[in-house]
Amino acid sequence: MQIQLVRSATLIVEMAGARLLIDPWLAEKGKGRSYSGRAQSPLVDLPLSVAEVLDGVDAVLVSHLHSDHFDEIAQRVIPKQMPILCHERDAEAIRSMGFDEVRVVGEGAQVGSVLIRTTDGQHGPPEVLDDMGDAGGFLISAPGEPLLYWAGDTILCPQVEAVLTSETPDVVVVHGCGALWDGKGPLVMDGAMVLETVRLAADAAVVVTHLDAVDHATVTRADLRALVSAGAIGADRLIIPEDGDILAF
């Protein structure tokens, strides 16, 4: 299995002959929204061209419809016949964008020999959930491949802990920028939650993404690397990729 971090939450996963694009945010640097009023996101350029991101993709996975996970550019340039896999709550809205093959994942959807299941999460503390709405992630597996748990936009919460305990994934991808909304949050994991996830994830490799790209973040790659340098428990299993990096498992 290979995982390429494109930027922020956007990944390309290659497994068992399938190429999956997760949460495409394809806007040019500074051409998206500001989430805090400090700057226009995304704060960095894509490391690949849009054509390179889309090349050979067999299906797109969309965790939720926030603009840094499935933006107007992605909605326009992704071919309308491309399979779009999503949670049930978002299916009708994605169909209304003109996509012909929208699949609700639920307990399982197949792309070739790859099985995808949805997971639940919590997109921040209770006081922001009316604004944030529901979010979650995906479990991605195939015969002979590592089990991947892509947690999505969620804090560390009972739903995430349950997946870590019951599924014992081999690779866990979490969002670790500690973003705030009107000063409240975090909306996704902060440094302490990332380290606790590493502890709970037994022997799994934990990959931290959604970093250094949105203007409402409070945690950077440098912050997380400082925790690793300080000798945090389990930090040897914590992977903090740069945009464009390809990881093999």
Foldseek 3Di string as FASTA:
>chain_A
DKWAFFAQLWIWDADPRATETFQDQQDAAQPAPAQPPPGRFQNHGGPDHPCVSQPRHQAYEAFDDDCSRQNPVNLPPRDLAREYEYAPVCQVVSVVSRRDHYHYADQWDDDPQKIKHWFFAAQWDPVCCVVVPTGFWIWIDGPPDFIETEGTFHADDPRVLVCLVPVLTQEYEFEEQQFAHVNGGRRGHHLVRQLVCLVSSVNHQYEYGSANTHPRGDHHPVNNVVCVVVPRPNSVSYHYDDNRDMDDD
